Amino acid sequence: MIGGLLATLAGSAWARTALRYGVIALAILLFLLFLRRSGARAGRLVERLETMEKTHDAQRRMLEAAARRPRSRDDLAERLRDSQF
C-alpha cells in the first residue's frame, strides 16, 4: 500500500518538481546558516584580535616606561636636579 503510493508520487512530474524545489530550498537554507555561523566566528576572531592588540600596546608602553626609568638613586637625583623627570 505505502510502496505503491510512494511509487506513484515518485513517478509524477509534480512530485519530482516539488522535490527538486525542496532540495534547492534546503541547500540555500543550509548555505545561509553556514554564512551566519562563519560570520559570527569571524566577529569573535576580530574581537579577540582587538583585545590582543590593546594588551600588547599596554605591555609595550610599560616596557618603554621601564626602559626610561632611572637606574639608581643617583640617576634619580640627577634627573630631579635637571627637571627631566
PDB file of N, CA and C in Angstrom:
ATOM      1  N   MET A   1       0.815  -1.192   0.000  1.00  0.00           N
ATOM      2  CA  MET A   1       0.000   0.000   0.000  1.00  0.00           C
ATOM      3  C   MET A   1       0.868   1.270   0.000  1.00  0.00           C
ATOM      4  N   ILE A   2       1.773   1.372   0.987  1.00  0.00           N
ATOM      5  CA  ILE A   2       2.625   2.566   1.073  1.00  0.00           C
ATOM      6  C   ILE A   2       3.627   2.578  -0.082  1.00  0.00           C
ATOM      7  N   GLY A   3       4.136   1.413  -0.436  1.00  0.00           N
ATOM      8  CA  GLY A   3       5.086   1.327  -1.546  1.00  0.00           C
ATOM      9  C   GLY A   3       4.463   1.779  -2.846  1.00  0.00           C
ATOM     10  N   GLY A   4       3.207   1.416  -3.040  1.00  0.00           N
ATOM     11  CA  GLY A   4       2.515   1.833  -4.259  1.00  0.00           C
ATOM     12  C   GLY A   4       2.292   3.332  -4.289  1.00  0.00           C
ATOM     13  N   LEU A   5       1.984   3.905  -3.111  1.00  0.00           N
ATOM     14  CA  LEU A   5       1.779   5.355  -3.025  1.00  0.00           C
ATOM     15  C   LEU A   5       3.078   6.110  -3.312  1.00  0.00           C
ATOM     16  N   LEU A   6       4.175   5.625  -2.748  1.00  0.00           N
ATOM     17  CA  LEU A   6       5.465   6.256  -2.998  1.00  0.00           C
ATOM     18  C   LEU A   6       5.871   6.137  -4.462  1.00  0.00           C
ATOM     19  N   ALA A   7       5.620   4.999  -5.054  1.00  0.00           N
ATOM     20  CA  ALA A   7       5.957   4.811  -6.464  1.00  0.00           C
ATOM     21  C   ALA A   7       5.138   5.748  -7.336  1.00  0.00           C
ATOM     22  N   THR A   8       3.862   5.934  -6.979  1.00  0.00           N
ATOM     23  CA  THR A   8       3.003   6.847  -7.744  1.00  0.00           C
ATOM     24  C   THR A   8       3.495   8.287  -7.610  1.00  0.00           C
ATOM     25  N   LEU A   9       3.855   8.694  -6.356  1.00  0.00           N
ATOM     26  CA  LEU A   9       4.349  10.067  -6.150  1.00  0.00           C
ATOM     27  C   LEU A   9       5.681  10.291  -6.848  1.00  0.00           C
ATOM     28  N   ALA A  10       6.580   9.303  -6.764  1.00  0.00           N
ATOM     29  CA  ALA A  10       7.888   9.451  -7.401  1.00  0.00           C
ATOM     30  C   ALA A  10       7.760   9.482  -8.916  1.00  0.00           C
ATOM     31  N   GLY A  11       6.722   8.870  -9.431  1.00  0.00           N
ATOM     32  CA  GLY A  11       6.548   8.833 -10.879  1.00  0.00           C
ATOM     33  C   GLY A  11       5.877  10.081 -11.428  1.00  0.00           C
ATOM     34  N   SER A  12       5.232  10.871 -10.574  1.00  0.00           N
ATOM     35  CA  SER A  12       4.521  12.031 -11.097  1.00  0.00           C
ATOM     36  C   SER A  12       5.468  13.208 -11.305  1.00  0.00           C
ATOM     37  N   ALA A  13       5.202  13.978 -12.324  1.00  0.00           N
ATOM     38  CA  ALA A  13       6.037  15.142 -12.632  1.00  0.00           C
ATOM     39  C   ALA A  13       5.914  16.201 -11.538  1.00  0.00           C
ATOM     40  N   TRP A  14       4.710  16.340 -10.957  1.00  0.00           N
ATOM     41  CA  TRP A  14       4.500  17.329  -9.897  1.00  0.00           C
ATOM     42  C   TRP A  14       5.361  17.024  -8.675  1.00  0.00           C
ATOM     43  N   ALA A  15       5.429  15.743  -8.295  1.00  0.00           N
ATOM     44  CA  ALA A  15       6.214  15.336  -7.132  1.00  0.00           C
ATOM     45  C   ALA A  15       7.699  15.545  -7.380  1.00  0.00           C
ATOM     46  N   ARG A  16       8.167  15.231  -8.578  1.00  0.00           N
ATOM     47  CA  ARG A  16       9.583  15.453  -8.902  1.00  0.00           C
ATOM     48  C   ARG A  16       9.922  16.934  -8.867  1.00  0.00           C
ATOM     49  N   THR A  17       9.024  17.773  -9.378  1.00  0.00           N
ATOM     50  CA  THR A  17       9.257  19.217  -9.363  1.00  0.00           C
ATOM     51  C   THR A  17       9.269  19.736  -7.928  1.00  0.00           C
ATOM     52  N   ALA A  18       8.323  19.281  -7.115  1.00  0.00           N
ATOM     53  CA  ALA A  18       8.268  19.702  -5.712  1.00  0.00           C
ATOM     54  C   ALA A  18       9.521  19.248  -4.979  1.00  0.00           C
ATOM     55  N   LEU A  19       9.965  18.033  -5.240  1.00  0.00           N
ATOM     56  CA  LEU A  19      11.175  17.525  -4.612  1.00  0.00           C
ATOM     57  C   LEU A  19      12.392  18.336  -5.040  1.00  0.00           C
ATOM     58  N   ARG A  20      12.472  18.677  -6.312  1.00  0.00           N
ATOM     59  CA  ARG A  20      13.585  19.473  -6.818  1.00  0.00           C
ATOM     60  C   ARG A  20      13.639  20.831  -6.112  1.00  0.00           C
ATOM     61  N   TYR A  21      12.478  21.516  -6.031  1.00  0.00           N
ATOM     62  CA  TYR A  21      12.453  22.822  -5.360  1.00  0.00           C
ATOM     63  C   TYR A  21      12.724  22.693  -3.863  1.00  0.00           C
ATOM     64  N   GLY A  22      12.278  21.607  -3.278  1.00  0.00           N
ATOM     65  CA  GLY A  22      12.552  21.378  -1.857  1.00  0.00           C
ATOM     66  C   GLY A  22      14.033  21.202  -1.594  1.00  0.00           C
ATOM     67  N   VAL A  23      14.700  20.448  -2.452  1.00  0.00           N
ATOM     68  CA  VAL A  23      16.145  20.241  -2.302  1.00  0.00           C
ATOM     69  C   VAL A  23      16.891  21.549  -2.512  1.00  0.00           C
ATOM     70  N   ILE A  24      16.485  22.345  -3.496  1.00  0.00           N
ATOM     71  CA  ILE A  24      17.133  23.641  -3.737  1.00  0.00           C
ATOM     72  C   ILE A  24      16.938  24.563  -2.537  1.00  0.00           C
ATOM     73  N   ALA A  25      15.706  24.594  -1.992  1.00  0.00           N
ATOM     74  CA  ALA A  25      15.433  25.440  -0.827  1.00  0.00           C
ATOM     75  C   ALA A  25      16.258  24.992   0.375  1.00  0.00           C
ATOM     76  N   LEU A  26      16.394  23.692   0.568  1.00  0.00           N
ATOM     77  CA  LEU A  26      17.196  23.176   1.668  1.00  0.00           C
ATOM     78  C   LEU A  26      18.668  23.549   1.501  1.00  0.00           C
ATOM     79  N   ALA A  27      19.172  23.451   0.280  1.00  0.00           N
ATOM     80  CA  ALA A  27      20.569  23.814   0.024  1.00  0.00           C
ATOM     81  C   ALA A  27      20.803  25.297   0.309  1.00  0.00           C
ATOM     82  N   ILE A  28      19.873  26.148  -0.110  1.00  0.00           N
ATOM     83  CA  ILE A  28      20.008  27.590   0.142  1.00  0.00           C
ATOM     84  C   ILE A  28      19.951  27.877   1.636  1.00  0.00           C
ATOM     85  N   LEU A  29      19.036  27.214   2.341  1.00  0.00           N
ATOM     86  CA  LEU A  29      18.917  27.403   3.793  1.00  0.00           C
ATOM     87  C   LEU A  29      20.197  26.985   4.503  1.00  0.00           C
ATOM     88  N   LEU A  30      20.746  25.844   4.142  1.00  0.00           N
ATOM     89  CA  LEU A  30      21.993  25.398   4.761  1.00  0.00           C
ATOM     90  C   LEU A  30      23.146  26.344   4.450  1.00  0.00           C
ATOM     91  N   PHE A  31      23.199  26.854   3.233  1.00  0.00           N
ATOM     92  CA  PHE A  31      24.240  27.816   2.860  1.00  0.00           C
ATOM     93  C   PHE A  31      24.128  29.087   3.696  1.00  0.00           C
ATOM     94  N   LEU A  32      22.904  29.594   3.873  1.00  0.00           N
ATOM     95  CA  LEU A  32      22.710  30.811   4.672  1.00  0.00           C
ATOM     96  C   LEU A  32      23.068  30.583   6.136  1.00  0.00           C
ATOM     97  N   LEU A  33      22.720  29.423   6.672  1.00  0.00           N
ATOM     98  CA  LEU A  33      23.107  29.113   8.050  1.00  0.00           C
ATOM     99  C   LEU A  33      24.619  29.025   8.197  1.00  0.00           C
ATOM    100  N   PHE A  34      25.278  28.456   7.192  1.00  0.00           N
ATOM    101  CA  PHE A  34      26.735  28.390   7.218  1.00  0.00           C
ATOM    102  C   PHE A  34      27.337  29.786   7.186  1.00  0.00           C
ATOM    103  N   LEU A  35      26.794  30.671   6.344  1.00  0.00           N
ATOM    104  CA  LEU A  35      27.308  32.038   6.279  1.00  0.00           C
ATOM    105  C   LEU A  35      27.138  32.759   7.616  1.00  0.00           C
ATOM    106  N   ARG A  36      25.985  32.575   8.239  1.00  0.00           N
ATOM    107  CA  ARG A  36      25.730  33.219   9.530  1.00  0.00           C
ATOM    108  C   ARG A  36      26.719  32.726  10.577  1.00  0.00           C
ATOM    109  N   ARG A  37      26.943  31.429  10.587  1.00  0.00           N
ATOM    110  CA  ARG A  37      27.859  30.850  11.568  1.00  0.00           C
ATOM    111  C   ARG A  37      29.297  31.308  11.339  1.00  0.00           C
ATOM    112  N   SER A  38      29.722  31.341  10.088  1.00  0.00           N
ATOM    113  CA  SER A  38      31.093  31.777   9.812  1.00  0.00           C
ATOM    114  C   SER A  38      31.245  33.274  10.076  1.00  0.00           C
ATOM    115  N   GLY A  39      30.199  34.060   9.870  1.00  0.00           N
ATOM    116  CA  GLY A  39      30.248  35.476  10.199  1.00  0.00           C
ATOM    117  C   GLY A  39      30.384  35.702  11.692  1.00  0.00           C
ATOM    118  N   ALA A  40      29.671  34.914  12.481  1.00  0.00           N
ATOM    119  CA  ALA A  40      29.788  35.026  13.940  1.00  0.00           C
ATOM    120  C   ALA A  40      31.191  34.639  14.387  1.00  0.00           C
ATOM    121  N   ARG A  41      31.737  33.598  13.773  1.00  0.00           N
ATOM    122  CA  ARG A  41      33.095  33.167  14.117  1.00  0.00           C
ATOM    123  C   ARG A  41      34.105  34.256  13.764  1.00  0.00           C
ATOM    124  N   ALA A  42      33.926  34.875  12.613  1.00  0.00           N
ATOM    125  CA  ALA A  42      34.835  35.954  12.208  1.00  0.00           C
ATOM    126  C   ALA A  42      34.717  37.138  13.165  1.00  0.00           C
ATOM    127  N   GLY A  43      33.508  37.430  13.614  1.00  0.00           N
ATOM    128  CA  GLY A  43      33.322  38.517  14.570  1.00  0.00           C
ATOM    129  C   GLY A  43      34.035  38.252  15.886  1.00  0.00           C
ATOM    130  N   ARG A  44      33.974  37.013  16.350  1.00  0.00           N
ATOM    131  CA  ARG A  44      34.680  36.662  17.589  1.00  0.00           C
ATOM    132  C   ARG A  44      36.185  36.774  17.402  1.00  0.00           C
ATOM    133  N   LEU A  45      36.683  36.366  16.237  1.00  0.00           N
ATOM    134  CA  LEU A  45      38.118  36.466  15.978  1.00  0.00           C
ATOM    135  C   LEU A  45      38.572  37.914  15.914  1.00  0.00           C
ATOM    136  N   VAL A  46      37.753  38.790  15.320  1.00  0.00           N
ATOM    137  CA  VAL A  46      38.094  40.212  15.255  1.00  0.00           C
ATOM    138  C   VAL A  46      38.129  40.798  16.654  1.00  0.00           C
ATOM    139  N   GLU A  47      37.160  40.440  17.477  1.00  0.00           N
ATOM    140  CA  GLU A  47      37.127  40.942  18.852  1.00  0.00           C
ATOM    141  C   GLU A  47      38.352  40.470  19.632  1.00  0.00           C
ATOM    142  N   ARG A  48      38.716  39.205  19.447  1.00  0.00           N
ATOM    143  CA  ARG A  48      39.900  38.684  20.130  1.00  0.00           C
ATOM    144  C   ARG A  48      41.176  39.369  19.657  1.00  0.00           C
ATOM    145  N   LEU A  49      41.260  39.649  18.362  1.00  0.00           N
ATOM    146  CA  LEU A  49      42.425  40.348  17.826  1.00  0.00           C
ATOM    147  C   LEU A  49      42.523  41.757  18.400  1.00  0.00           C
ATOM    148  N   GLU A  50      41.402  42.472  18.488  1.00  0.00           N
ATOM    149  CA  GLU A  50      41.421  43.820  19.052  1.00  0.00           C
ATOM    150  C   GLU A  50      41.853  43.795  20.512  1.00  0.00           C
ATOM    151  N   THR A  51      41.384  42.813  21.259  1.00  0.00           N
ATOM    152  CA  THR A  51      41.781  42.696  22.667  1.00  0.00           C
ATOM    153  C   THR A  51      43.275  42.426  22.785  1.00  0.00           C
ATOM    154  N   MET A  52      43.797  41.536  21.930  1.00  0.00           N
ATOM    155  CA  MET A  52      45.232  41.249  21.959  1.00  0.00           C
ATOM    156  C   MET A  52      46.051  42.479  21.589  1.00  0.00           C
ATOM    157  N   GLU A  53      45.582  43.257  20.611  1.00  0.00           N
ATOM    158  CA  GLU A  53      46.310  44.467  20.220  1.00  0.00           C
ATOM    159  C   GLU A  53      46.353  45.466  21.373  1.00  0.00           C
ATOM    160  N   LYS A  54      45.240  45.633  22.079  1.00  0.00           N
ATOM    161  CA  LYS A  54      45.219  46.545  23.232  1.00  0.00           C
ATOM    162  C   LYS A  54      46.170  46.072  24.324  1.00  0.00           C
ATOM    163  N   THR A  55      46.165  44.767  24.560  1.00  0.00           N
ATOM    164  CA  THR A  55      47.050  44.210  25.583  1.00  0.00           C
ATOM    165  C   THR A  55      48.515  44.398  25.204  1.00  0.00           C
ATOM    166  N   HIS A  56      48.842  44.124  23.965  1.00  0.00           N
ATOM    167  CA  HIS A  56      50.234  44.283  23.514  1.00  0.00           C
ATOM    168  C   HIS A  56      50.654  45.743  23.547  1.00  0.00           C
ATOM    169  N   ASP A  57      49.743  46.647  23.213  1.00  0.00           N
ATOM    170  CA  ASP A  57      50.066  48.068  23.269  1.00  0.00           C
ATOM    171  C   ASP A  57      50.363  48.499  24.702  1.00  0.00           C
ATOM    172  N   ALA A  58      49.549  48.043  25.648  1.00  0.00           N
ATOM    173  CA  ALA A  58      49.779  48.389  27.056  1.00  0.00           C
ATOM    174  C   ALA A  58      51.112  47.809  27.541  1.00  0.00           C
ATOM    175  N   GLN A  59      51.411  46.575  27.171  1.00  0.00           N
ATOM    176  CA  GLN A  59      52.680  45.966  27.573  1.00  0.00           C
ATOM    177  C   GLN A  59      53.862  46.696  26.953  1.00  0.00           C
ATOM    178  N   ARG A  60      53.724  47.104  25.691  1.00  0.00           N
ATOM    179  CA  ARG A  60      54.809  47.841  25.034  1.00  0.00           C
ATOM    180  C   ARG A  60      55.061  49.166  25.737  1.00  0.00           C
ATOM    181  N   ARG A  61      53.975  49.870  26.099  1.00  0.00           N
ATOM    182  CA  ARG A  61      54.145  51.150  26.792  1.00  0.00           C
ATOM    183  C   ARG A  61      54.789  50.955  28.165  1.00  0.00           C
ATOM    184  N   MET A  62      54.422  49.873  28.857  1.00  0.00           N
ATOM    185  CA  MET A  62      55.048  49.604  30.155  1.00  0.00           C
ATOM    186  C   MET A  62      56.538  49.297  29.999  1.00  0.00           C
ATOM    187  N   LEU A  63      56.892  48.542  28.961  1.00  0.00           N
ATOM    188  CA  LEU A  63      58.311  48.234  28.731  1.00  0.00           C
ATOM    189  C   LEU A  63      59.105  49.488  28.360  1.00  0.00           C
ATOM    190  N   GLU A  64      58.496  50.354  27.551  1.00  0.00           N
ATOM    191  CA  GLU A  64      59.172  51.604  27.203  1.00  0.00           C
ATOM    192  C   GLU A  64      59.374  52.479  28.434  1.00  0.00           C
ATOM    193  N   ALA A  65      58.367  52.539  29.305  1.00  0.00           N
ATOM    194  CA  ALA A  65      58.498  53.323  30.534  1.00  0.00           C
ATOM    195  C   ALA A  65      59.570  52.730  31.438  1.00  0.00           C
ATOM    196  N   ALA A  66      59.637  51.406  31.510  1.00  0.00           N
ATOM    197  CA  ALA A  66      60.659  50.761  32.331  1.00  0.00           C
ATOM    198  C   ALA A  66      62.050  51.010  31.764  1.00  0.00           C
ATOM    199  N   ALA A  67      62.163  51.106  30.444  1.00  0.00           N
ATOM    200  CA  ALA A  67      63.478  51.367  29.836  1.00  0.00           C
ATOM    201  C   ALA A  67      63.947  52.789  30.118  1.00  0.00           C
ATOM    202  N   ARG A  68      63.013  53.713  30.331  1.00  0.00           N
ATOM    203  CA  ARG A  68      63.382  55.107  30.589  1.00  0.00           C
ATOM    204  C   ARG A  68      63.555  55.423  32.075  1.00  0.00           C
ATOM    205  N   ARG A  69      63.298  54.472  32.954  1.00  0.00           N
ATOM    206  CA  ARG A  69      63.352  54.775  34.378  1.00  0.00           C
ATOM    207  C   ARG A  69      64.795  54.970  34.830  1.00  0.00           C
ATOM    208  N   PRO A  70      64.965  55.698  35.925  1.00  0.00           N
ATOM    209  CA  PRO A  70      66.328  55.874  36.470  1.00  0.00           C
ATOM    210  C   PRO A  70      66.875  54.544  36.982  1.00  0.00           C
ATOM    211  N   ARG A  71      68.154  54.313  36.760  1.00  0.00           N
ATOM    212  CA  ARG A  71      68.759  53.033  37.133  1.00  0.00           C
ATOM    213  C   ARG A  71      69.144  52.986  38.618  1.00  0.00           C
ATOM    214  N   SER A  72      69.432  54.109  39.173  1.00  0.00           N
ATOM    215  CA  SER A  72      69.848  54.132  40.577  1.00  0.00           C
ATOM    216  C   SER A  72      69.333  55.417  41.234  1.00  0.00           C
ATOM    217  N   ARG A  73      69.601  55.537  42.522  1.00  0.00           N
ATOM    218  CA  ARG A  73      69.198  56.755  43.238  1.00  0.00           C
ATOM    219  C   ARG A  73      69.958  57.975  42.727  1.00  0.00           C
ATOM    220  N   ASP A  74      71.183  57.752  42.341  1.00  0.00           N
ATOM    221  CA  ASP A  74      71.974  58.871  41.815  1.00  0.00           C
ATOM    222  C   ASP A  74      71.375  59.380  40.499  1.00  0.00           C
ATOM    223  N   ASP A  75      70.971  58.462  39.643  1.00  0.00           N
ATOM    224  CA  ASP A  75      70.324  58.864  38.385  1.00  0.00           C
ATOM    225  C   ASP A  75      69.016  59.602  38.664  1.00  0.00           C
ATOM    226  N   LEU A  76      68.270  59.136  39.652  1.00  0.00           N
ATOM    227  CA  LEU A  76      67.020  59.795  40.012  1.00  0.00           C
ATOM    228  C   LEU A  76      67.281  61.205  40.517  1.00  0.00           C
ATOM    229  N   ALA A  77      68.275  61.339  41.380  1.00  0.00           N
ATOM    230  CA  ALA A  77      68.608  62.666  41.907  1.00  0.00           C
ATOM    231  C   ALA A  77      69.058  63.589  40.776  1.00  0.00           C
ATOM    232  N   GLU A  78      69.829  63.061  39.852  1.00  0.00           N
ATOM    233  CA  GLU A  78      70.308  63.870  38.711  1.00  0.00           C
ATOM    234  C   GLU A  78      69.131  64.335  37.845  1.00  0.00           C
ATOM    235  N   ARG A  79      68.219  63.454  37.602  1.00  0.00           N
ATOM    236  CA  ARG A  79      67.027  63.817  36.802  1.00  0.00           C
ATOM    237  C   ARG A  79      66.195  64.883  37.523  1.00  0.00           C
ATOM    238  N   LEU A  80      66.047  64.719  38.827  1.00  0.00           N
ATOM    239  CA  LEU A  80      65.248  65.702  39.570  1.00  0.00           C
ATOM    240  C   LEU A  80      65.955  67.076  39.564  1.00  0.00           C
ATOM    241  N   ARG A  81      67.267  67.100  39.649  1.00  0.00           N
ATOM    242  CA  ARG A  81      68.003  68.372  39.606  1.00  0.00           C
ATOM    243  C   ARG A  81      67.891  69.037  38.242  1.00  0.00           C
ATOM    244  N   ASP A  82      67.883  68.208  37.190  1.00  0.00           N
ATOM    245  CA  ASP A  82      67.803  68.761  35.826  1.00  0.00           C
ATOM    246  C   ASP A  82      66.363  69.002  35.379  1.00  0.00           C
ATOM    247  N   SER A  83      65.391  68.692  36.210  1.00  0.00           N
ATOM    248  CA  SER A  83      63.952  68.832  35.893  1.00  0.00           C
ATOM    249  C   SER A  83      63.567  68.025  34.657  1.00  0.00           C
ATOM    250  N   GLN A  84      64.105  66.837  34.556  1.00  0.00           N
ATOM    251  CA  GLN A  84      63.788  65.988  33.422  1.00  0.00           C
ATOM    252  C   GLN A  84      62.855  64.845  33.787  1.00  0.00           C
ATOM    253  N   PHE A  85      62.355  64.815  34.981  1.00  0.00           N
ATOM    254  CA  PHE A  85      61.550  63.670  35.397  1.00  0.00           C
ATOM    255  C   PHE A  85      60.156  63.735  34.848  1.00  0.00           C
TER     256      PHE A  85
END
